[in-house]
N, C-alpha and C. Protein backbone atom coordinates (compact mmCIF):
# COMPACT_ATOMS: atom_id res chain seq x y z
N MET A 1 -31.87 32.67 -193.70
CA MET A 1 -32.55 33.43 -194.73
C MET A 1 -32.07 33.01 -196.12
N THR A 2 -30.77 32.86 -196.30
CA THR A 2 -30.25 32.46 -197.60
C THR A 2 -30.75 31.08 -197.98
N ASP A 3 -30.79 30.15 -197.02
CA ASP A 3 -31.29 28.80 -197.32
C ASP A 3 -32.72 28.86 -197.82
N GLN A 4 -33.54 29.69 -197.21
CA GLN A 4 -34.94 29.82 -197.63
C GLN A 4 -35.03 30.39 -199.04
N LYS A 5 -34.20 31.39 -199.34
CA LYS A 5 -34.21 31.97 -200.68
C LYS A 5 -33.76 30.95 -201.72
N MET A 6 -32.78 30.15 -201.38
CA MET A 6 -32.28 29.15 -202.34
C MET A 6 -33.32 28.05 -202.57
N GLU A 7 -34.04 27.68 -201.53
CA GLU A 7 -35.11 26.70 -201.71
C GLU A 7 -36.23 27.28 -202.58
N ARG A 8 -36.52 28.56 -202.39
CA ARG A 8 -37.52 29.23 -203.23
C ARG A 8 -37.03 29.31 -204.67
N ALA A 9 -35.75 29.59 -204.86
CA ALA A 9 -35.18 29.64 -206.21
C ALA A 9 -35.31 28.28 -206.89
N LYS A 10 -35.05 27.20 -206.17
CA LYS A 10 -35.20 25.85 -206.75
C LYS A 10 -36.64 25.61 -207.19
N LYS A 11 -37.61 26.00 -206.35
CA LYS A 11 -39.02 25.84 -206.72
C LYS A 11 -39.36 26.62 -207.98
N LEU A 12 -38.89 27.86 -208.03
CA LEU A 12 -39.16 28.69 -209.20
C LEU A 12 -38.51 28.10 -210.45
N LEU A 13 -37.32 27.57 -210.32
CA LEU A 13 -36.65 26.94 -211.46
C LEU A 13 -37.40 25.69 -211.91
N ASP A 14 -37.92 24.94 -210.95
CA ASP A 14 -38.65 23.70 -211.26
C ASP A 14 -40.04 23.96 -211.83
N GLN A 15 -40.71 24.98 -211.32
CA GLN A 15 -42.14 25.13 -211.58
C GLN A 15 -42.51 26.27 -212.52
N THR A 16 -41.54 27.08 -212.93
CA THR A 16 -41.85 28.20 -213.81
C THR A 16 -40.85 28.23 -214.96
N GLN A 17 -41.12 29.09 -215.91
CA GLN A 17 -40.19 29.33 -217.01
C GLN A 17 -39.50 30.68 -216.85
N HIS A 18 -39.55 31.25 -215.65
CA HIS A 18 -38.90 32.54 -215.40
C HIS A 18 -37.40 32.42 -215.70
N THR A 19 -36.85 33.49 -216.23
CA THR A 19 -35.41 33.52 -216.46
C THR A 19 -34.68 33.60 -215.11
N VAL A 20 -33.39 33.31 -215.15
CA VAL A 20 -32.58 33.44 -213.94
C VAL A 20 -32.63 34.88 -213.44
N GLN A 21 -32.61 35.84 -214.35
CA GLN A 21 -32.69 37.25 -213.95
C GLN A 21 -34.02 37.54 -213.26
N GLU A 22 -35.11 37.02 -213.78
CA GLU A 22 -36.42 37.25 -213.16
C GLU A 22 -36.48 36.63 -211.76
N ILE A 23 -35.91 35.45 -211.61
CA ILE A 23 -35.88 34.79 -210.29
C ILE A 23 -35.00 35.60 -209.34
N CYS A 24 -33.88 36.04 -209.84
CA CYS A 24 -32.98 36.89 -209.05
C CYS A 24 -33.73 38.12 -208.55
N ASP A 25 -34.47 38.77 -209.43
CA ASP A 25 -35.25 39.95 -209.06
C ASP A 25 -36.32 39.62 -208.04
N ARG A 26 -37.03 38.52 -208.24
CA ARG A 26 -38.10 38.11 -207.31
C ARG A 26 -37.57 37.86 -205.90
N LEU A 27 -36.35 37.36 -205.83
CA LEU A 27 -35.76 37.05 -204.53
C LEU A 27 -34.96 38.22 -203.96
N ILE A 28 -35.05 39.35 -204.64
CA ILE A 28 -34.45 40.61 -204.19
C ILE A 28 -32.93 40.51 -204.07
N TYR A 29 -32.30 39.99 -205.11
CA TYR A 29 -30.85 40.05 -205.24
C TYR A 29 -30.55 41.17 -206.22
N ASP A 30 -29.66 42.08 -205.83
CA ASP A 30 -29.31 43.21 -206.68
C ASP A 30 -28.39 42.82 -207.83
N ASN A 31 -27.68 41.72 -207.65
CA ASN A 31 -26.64 41.35 -208.60
C ASN A 31 -26.84 39.90 -209.02
N GLN A 32 -27.05 39.67 -210.32
CA GLN A 32 -27.31 38.31 -210.81
C GLN A 32 -26.11 37.40 -210.60
N SER A 33 -24.90 37.91 -210.80
CA SER A 33 -23.74 37.04 -210.63
C SER A 33 -23.56 36.61 -209.17
N TYR A 34 -23.91 37.48 -208.23
CA TYR A 34 -23.87 37.09 -206.82
C TYR A 34 -24.94 36.03 -206.53
N PHE A 35 -26.12 36.19 -207.11
CA PHE A 35 -27.17 35.18 -206.95
C PHE A 35 -26.70 33.83 -207.49
N ILE A 36 -26.11 33.83 -208.66
CA ILE A 36 -25.64 32.57 -209.27
C ILE A 36 -24.56 31.94 -208.39
N LYS A 37 -23.63 32.75 -207.90
CA LYS A 37 -22.56 32.24 -207.02
C LYS A 37 -23.15 31.65 -205.74
N THR A 38 -24.12 32.34 -205.15
CA THR A 38 -24.75 31.87 -203.92
C THR A 38 -25.53 30.57 -204.19
N PHE A 39 -26.26 30.52 -205.30
CA PHE A 39 -27.01 29.33 -205.65
C PHE A 39 -26.06 28.14 -205.84
N LYS A 40 -24.96 28.37 -206.55
CA LYS A 40 -24.00 27.28 -206.78
C LYS A 40 -23.40 26.78 -205.48
N ALA A 41 -23.10 27.68 -204.57
CA ALA A 41 -22.56 27.28 -203.26
C ALA A 41 -23.57 26.44 -202.50
N HIS A 42 -24.85 26.75 -202.65
CA HIS A 42 -25.92 26.04 -201.95
C HIS A 42 -26.28 24.71 -202.62
N ALA A 43 -26.40 24.73 -203.94
CA ALA A 43 -26.93 23.57 -204.67
C ALA A 43 -25.86 22.74 -205.37
N GLY A 44 -24.65 23.28 -205.50
CA GLY A 44 -23.57 22.55 -206.17
C GLY A 44 -23.53 22.73 -207.67
N VAL A 45 -24.53 23.42 -208.22
CA VAL A 45 -24.61 23.71 -209.65
C VAL A 45 -25.19 25.11 -209.83
N THR A 46 -25.01 25.66 -211.03
CA THR A 46 -25.59 26.97 -211.32
C THR A 46 -27.10 26.80 -211.52
N PRO A 47 -27.84 27.90 -211.47
CA PRO A 47 -29.29 27.80 -211.73
C PRO A 47 -29.60 27.17 -213.10
N ALA A 48 -28.84 27.53 -214.12
CA ALA A 48 -29.07 26.97 -215.45
C ALA A 48 -28.80 25.46 -215.47
N GLU A 49 -27.73 25.04 -214.81
CA GLU A 49 -27.42 23.60 -214.73
C GLU A 49 -28.49 22.87 -213.93
N TYR A 50 -28.98 23.49 -212.87
CA TYR A 50 -30.03 22.89 -212.06
C TYR A 50 -31.29 22.66 -212.89
N ARG A 51 -31.65 23.64 -213.67
CA ARG A 51 -32.85 23.55 -214.50
C ARG A 51 -32.65 22.56 -215.64
N GLY A 52 -31.44 22.54 -216.18
CA GLY A 52 -31.13 21.78 -217.39
C GLY A 52 -31.31 20.33 -217.28
């Protein structure tokens, strides 16, 4: 389930201008810092670094 959410997060980062908070909300994470930590563990970079 987490892998699917992280792949969806990558798509949203690539294809939209949604903020990290908006993506976090869309993927039903209650805590943005937990989402960022989980994304970094999965992708090796933070969502902002991934987008950048």
